[in-house]
Amino acid sequence: MDPEELLNEDSNTGKAKTESPLVSLERDLKFFNESIREVAIEIMVEGLSHYPIFIAHQHELNLGELILDRNDLNTEWSIHASTLEEFVDKGVIKPVLKERFVKSYKDPSEYMCIFVVVPEGANFVYYPYPKQ
């Protein structure tokens, strides 16, 4: 999914629908980007994983480790840090699909891998870090 898709615009009219929760996610990711990048680097440097995954959610979640709490930061989304290995261990990514995930995983120095959890379901989104 491209960042533009997060805006949830109706391609026929060009008008925004009622604000998608992903619009607020994009705002929060811009706010969180430095912290997320630091944690991603730490996960890789410490040898925990080559595939850091961040989970964005608005409710209680038992996956990964809470790094940014929406209640403490007055944001709309909380972020947990995790890894591909935990996703496989907990059955979120089936072992037979692990290699497909690895092949599609984008450069973690340029993109944050976000597993977005909303009431309708969950999906992976690669969101670019701002150019420095």
C-alpha atoms as a PDB file:
ATOM      1  CA  MET A   1       0.000   0.000   0.000  1.00  0.00           C
ATOM      2  CA  ASP A   2       1.331   3.403  -0.916  1.00  0.00           C
ATOM      3  CA  PRO A   3       1.201   6.355   1.511  1.00  0.00           C
ATOM      4  CA  GLU A   4      -1.265   8.064  -0.828  1.00  0.00           C
ATOM      5  CA  GLU A   5      -3.702   5.202  -0.264  1.00  0.00           C
ATOM      6  CA  LEU A   6      -3.717   6.033   3.449  1.00  0.00           C
ATOM      7  CA  LEU A   7      -5.640   9.203   2.647  1.00  0.00           C
ATOM      8  CA  ASN A   8      -8.635   7.165   1.451  1.00  0.00           C
ATOM      9  CA  GLU A   9      -9.710   9.504  -1.343  1.00  0.00           C
ATOM     10  CA  ASP A  10     -12.494   8.572  -3.711  1.00  0.00           C
ATOM     11  CA  SER A  11     -10.737   8.269  -7.065  1.00  0.00           C
ATOM     12  CA  ASN A  12     -13.929   9.051  -8.997  1.00  0.00           C
ATOM     13  CA  THR A  13     -14.677  12.429  -7.448  1.00  0.00           C
ATOM     14  CA  GLY A  14     -11.354  13.377  -5.897  1.00  0.00           C
ATOM     15  CA  LYS A  15     -13.219  14.295  -2.718  1.00  0.00           C
ATOM     16  CA  ALA A  16     -12.190  12.855   0.634  1.00  0.00           C
ATOM     17  CA  LYS A  17     -14.680  10.534   2.256  1.00  0.00           C
ATOM     18  CA  THR A  18     -15.387  10.867   5.953  1.00  0.00           C
ATOM     19  CA  GLU A  19     -11.967  10.828   7.527  1.00  0.00           C
ATOM     20  CA  SER A  20     -10.498   7.375   7.580  1.00  0.00           C
ATOM     21  CA  PRO A  21      -8.666   6.346  10.745  1.00  0.00           C
ATOM     22  CA  LEU A  22      -5.658   5.948   8.472  1.00  0.00           C
ATOM     23  CA  VAL A  23      -5.493   9.734   8.031  1.00  0.00           C
ATOM     24  CA  SER A  24      -4.873  10.066  11.764  1.00  0.00           C
ATOM     25  CA  LEU A  25      -2.374   7.204  11.524  1.00  0.00           C
ATOM     26  CA  GLU A  26      -0.399   9.091   8.906  1.00  0.00           C
ATOM     27  CA  ARG A  27      -0.325  12.154  11.196  1.00  0.00           C
ATOM     28  CA  ASP A  28       0.880  10.039  14.108  1.00  0.00           C
ATOM     29  CA  LEU A  29       3.522   8.258  12.000  1.00  0.00           C
ATOM     30  CA  LYS A  30       4.963  11.624  10.983  1.00  0.00           C
ATOM     31  CA  PHE A  31       5.096  12.529  14.675  1.00  0.00           C
ATOM     32  CA  PHE A  32       6.579   9.144  15.711  1.00  0.00           C
ATOM     33  CA  ASN A  33       8.995   8.646  12.805  1.00  0.00           C
ATOM     34  CA  GLU A  34      12.259   9.405  14.664  1.00  0.00           C
ATOM     35  CA  SER A  35      11.362   7.162  17.591  1.00  0.00           C
ATOM     36  CA  ILE A  36      10.302   4.325  15.307  1.00  0.00           C
ATOM     37  CA  ARG A  37      13.504   4.622  13.261  1.00  0.00           C
ATOM     38  CA  GLU A  38      15.641   4.503  16.429  1.00  0.00           C
ATOM     39  CA  VAL A  39      13.878   1.370  17.655  1.00  0.00           C
ATOM     40  CA  ALA A  40      14.184  -0.295  14.222  1.00  0.00           C
ATOM     41  CA  ILE A  41      17.927   0.384  14.186  1.00  0.00           C
ATOM     42  CA  GLU A  42      18.252  -0.921  17.748  1.00  0.00           C
ATOM     43  CA  ILE A  43      16.400  -4.149  16.864  1.00  0.00           C
ATOM     44  CA  MET A  44      18.757  -4.729  13.923  1.00  0.00           C
ATOM     45  CA  VAL A  45      22.009  -3.662  15.637  1.00  0.00           C
ATOM     46  CA  GLU A  46      21.304  -5.860  18.669  1.00  0.00           C
ATOM     47  CA  GLY A  47      20.779  -8.791  16.328  1.00  0.00           C
ATOM     48  CA  LEU A  48      17.174  -9.373  17.394  1.00  0.00           C
ATOM     49  CA  SER A  49      15.948  -9.370  13.788  1.00  0.00           C
ATOM     50  CA  HIS A  50      16.657  -8.068  10.312  1.00  0.00           C
ATOM     51  CA  TYR A  51      12.908  -7.465   9.979  1.00  0.00           C
ATOM     52  CA  PRO A  52      11.487  -5.036  12.554  1.00  0.00           C
ATOM     53  CA  ILE A  53       7.707  -4.679  12.430  1.00  0.00           C
ATOM     54  CA  PHE A  54       5.710  -1.957  14.167  1.00  0.00           C
ATOM     55  CA  ILE A  55       2.098  -2.529  15.113  1.00  0.00           C
ATOM     56  CA  ALA A  56      -0.269   0.459  15.011  1.00  0.00           C
ATOM     57  CA  HIS A  57      -3.515   0.061  16.926  1.00  0.00           C
ATOM     58  CA  GLN A  58      -6.152   1.927  18.915  1.00  0.00           C
ATOM     59  CA  HIS A  59      -7.094  -0.748  21.434  1.00  0.00           C
ATOM     60  CA  GLU A  60      -5.457  -3.364  23.672  1.00  0.00           C
ATOM     61  CA  LEU A  61      -3.078  -5.689  21.870  1.00  0.00           C
ATOM     62  CA  ASN A  62      -0.972  -8.625  23.006  1.00  0.00           C
ATOM     63  CA  LEU A  63       1.737  -8.614  20.357  1.00  0.00           C
ATOM     64  CA  GLY A  64       5.142  -7.004  20.496  1.00  0.00           C
ATOM     65  CA  GLU A  65       6.252  -4.484  23.082  1.00  0.00           C
ATOM     66  CA  LEU A  66       4.562  -1.126  23.650  1.00  0.00           C
ATOM     67  CA  ILE A  67       6.930   1.698  22.698  1.00  0.00           C
ATOM     68  CA  LEU A  68       4.570   4.638  22.077  1.00  0.00           C
ATOM     69  CA  ASP A  69       1.362   4.851  24.113  1.00  0.00           C
ATOM     70  CA  ARG A  70      -1.406   7.016  22.673  1.00  0.00           C
ATOM     71  CA  ASN A  71      -2.701   7.804  26.176  1.00  0.00           C
ATOM     72  CA  ASP A  72       0.698   9.101  27.335  1.00  0.00           C
ATOM     73  CA  LEU A  73       1.448  10.990  24.108  1.00  0.00           C
ATOM     74  CA  ASN A  74      -2.032  12.376  23.430  1.00  0.00           C
ATOM     75  CA  THR A  75      -2.134  10.759  19.978  1.00  0.00           C
ATOM     76  CA  GLU A  76      -4.748   8.547  18.343  1.00  0.00           C
ATOM     77  CA  TRP A  77      -2.557   5.490  17.781  1.00  0.00           C
ATOM     78  CA  SER A  78      -0.295   3.346  19.967  1.00  0.00           C
ATOM     79  CA  ILE A  79       2.739   1.607  18.510  1.00  0.00           C
ATOM     80  CA  HIS A  80       4.216  -1.733  19.524  1.00  0.00           C
ATOM     81  CA  ALA A  81       7.604  -2.983  18.310  1.00  0.00           C
ATOM     82  CA  SER A  82       7.919  -6.553  17.098  1.00  0.00           C
ATOM     83  CA  THR A  83       9.824  -8.703  14.640  1.00  0.00           C
ATOM     84  CA  LEU A  84       9.130 -11.103  11.820  1.00  0.00           C
ATOM     85  CA  GLU A  85      10.228 -13.918  14.105  1.00  0.00           C
ATOM     86  CA  GLU A  86       7.559 -13.067  16.708  1.00  0.00           C
ATOM     87  CA  PHE A  87       4.901 -12.797  13.986  1.00  0.00           C
ATOM     88  CA  VAL A  88       5.824 -16.311  12.817  1.00  0.00           C
ATOM     89  CA  ASP A  89       6.029 -17.693  16.391  1.00  0.00           C
ATOM     90  CA  LYS A  90       2.572 -16.316  17.243  1.00  0.00           C
ATOM     91  CA  GLY A  91       1.029 -17.497  13.969  1.00  0.00           C
ATOM     92  CA  VAL A  92       0.294 -14.041  12.525  1.00  0.00           C
ATOM     93  CA  ILE A  93       2.486 -14.959   9.550  1.00  0.00           C
ATOM     94  CA  LYS A  94       2.298 -18.629   8.639  1.00  0.00           C
ATOM     95  CA  PRO A  95       5.722 -20.308   8.372  1.00  0.00           C
ATOM     96  CA  VAL A  96       5.014 -21.220   4.724  1.00  0.00           C
ATOM     97  CA  LEU A  97       4.522 -17.505   3.936  1.00  0.00           C
ATOM     98  CA  LYS A  98       7.647 -16.280   5.746  1.00  0.00           C
ATOM     99  CA  GLU A  99       9.812 -16.296   2.604  1.00  0.00           C
ATOM    100  CA  ARG A 100       7.203 -14.320   0.651  1.00  0.00           C
ATOM    101  CA  PHE A 101       7.167 -11.717   3.436  1.00  0.00           C
ATOM    102  CA  VAL A 102      10.985 -11.501   3.421  1.00  0.00           C
ATOM    103  CA  LYS A 103      11.019 -10.955  -0.363  1.00  0.00           C
ATOM    104  CA  SER A 104       8.460  -8.149  -0.143  1.00  0.00           C
ATOM    105  CA  TYR A 105      10.023  -6.481   2.930  1.00  0.00           C
ATOM    106  CA  LYS A 106      11.268  -2.986   2.067  1.00  0.00           C
ATOM    107  CA  ASP A 107      14.587  -1.466   3.158  1.00  0.00           C
ATOM    108  CA  PRO A 108      14.192  -0.763   6.917  1.00  0.00           C
ATOM    109  CA  SER A 109      16.505   2.235   6.686  1.00  0.00           C
ATOM    110  CA  GLU A 110      14.036   3.905   4.296  1.00  0.00           C
ATOM    111  CA  TYR A 111      10.636   2.477   5.310  1.00  0.00           C
ATOM    112  CA  MET A 112       8.905   1.564   8.525  1.00  0.00           C
ATOM    113  CA  CYS A 113       6.986  -1.702   8.275  1.00  0.00           C
ATOM    114  CA  ILE A 114       3.660  -1.061   9.982  1.00  0.00           C
ATOM    115  CA  PHE A 115       1.094  -3.749  10.771  1.00  0.00           C
ATOM    116  CA  VAL A 116      -2.075  -1.666  10.982  1.00  0.00           C
ATOM    117  CA  VAL A 117      -4.841  -3.150  13.126  1.00  0.00           C
ATOM    118  CA  VAL A 118      -8.332  -1.673  12.683  1.00  0.00           C
ATOM    119  CA  PRO A 119     -11.768  -3.132  13.511  1.00  0.00           C
ATOM    120  CA  GLU A 120     -12.182  -4.260   9.887  1.00  0.00           C
ATOM    121  CA  GLY A 121      -8.950  -6.282   9.960  1.00  0.00           C
ATOM    122  CA  ALA A 122      -5.207  -5.809   9.703  1.00  0.00           C
ATOM    123  CA  ASN A 123      -2.655  -5.302   6.960  1.00  0.00           C
ATOM    124  CA  PHE A 124       0.977  -4.403   6.365  1.00  0.00           C
ATOM    125  CA  VAL A 125       1.849  -0.901   5.193  1.00  0.00           C
ATOM    126  CA  TYR A 126       5.315   0.409   4.340  1.00  0.00           C
ATOM    127  CA  TYR A 127       5.555   4.052   5.253  1.00  0.00           C
ATOM    128  CA  PRO A 128       8.659   6.039   4.198  1.00  0.00           C
ATOM    129  CA  TYR A 129      10.789   7.850   6.699  1.00  0.00           C
ATOM    130  CA  PRO A 130      11.181  11.539   5.832  1.00  0.00           C
ATOM    131  CA  LYS A 131      14.309  12.329   3.857  1.00  0.00           C
ATOM    132  CA  GLN A 132      17.001  13.736   6.105  1.00  0.00           C
END
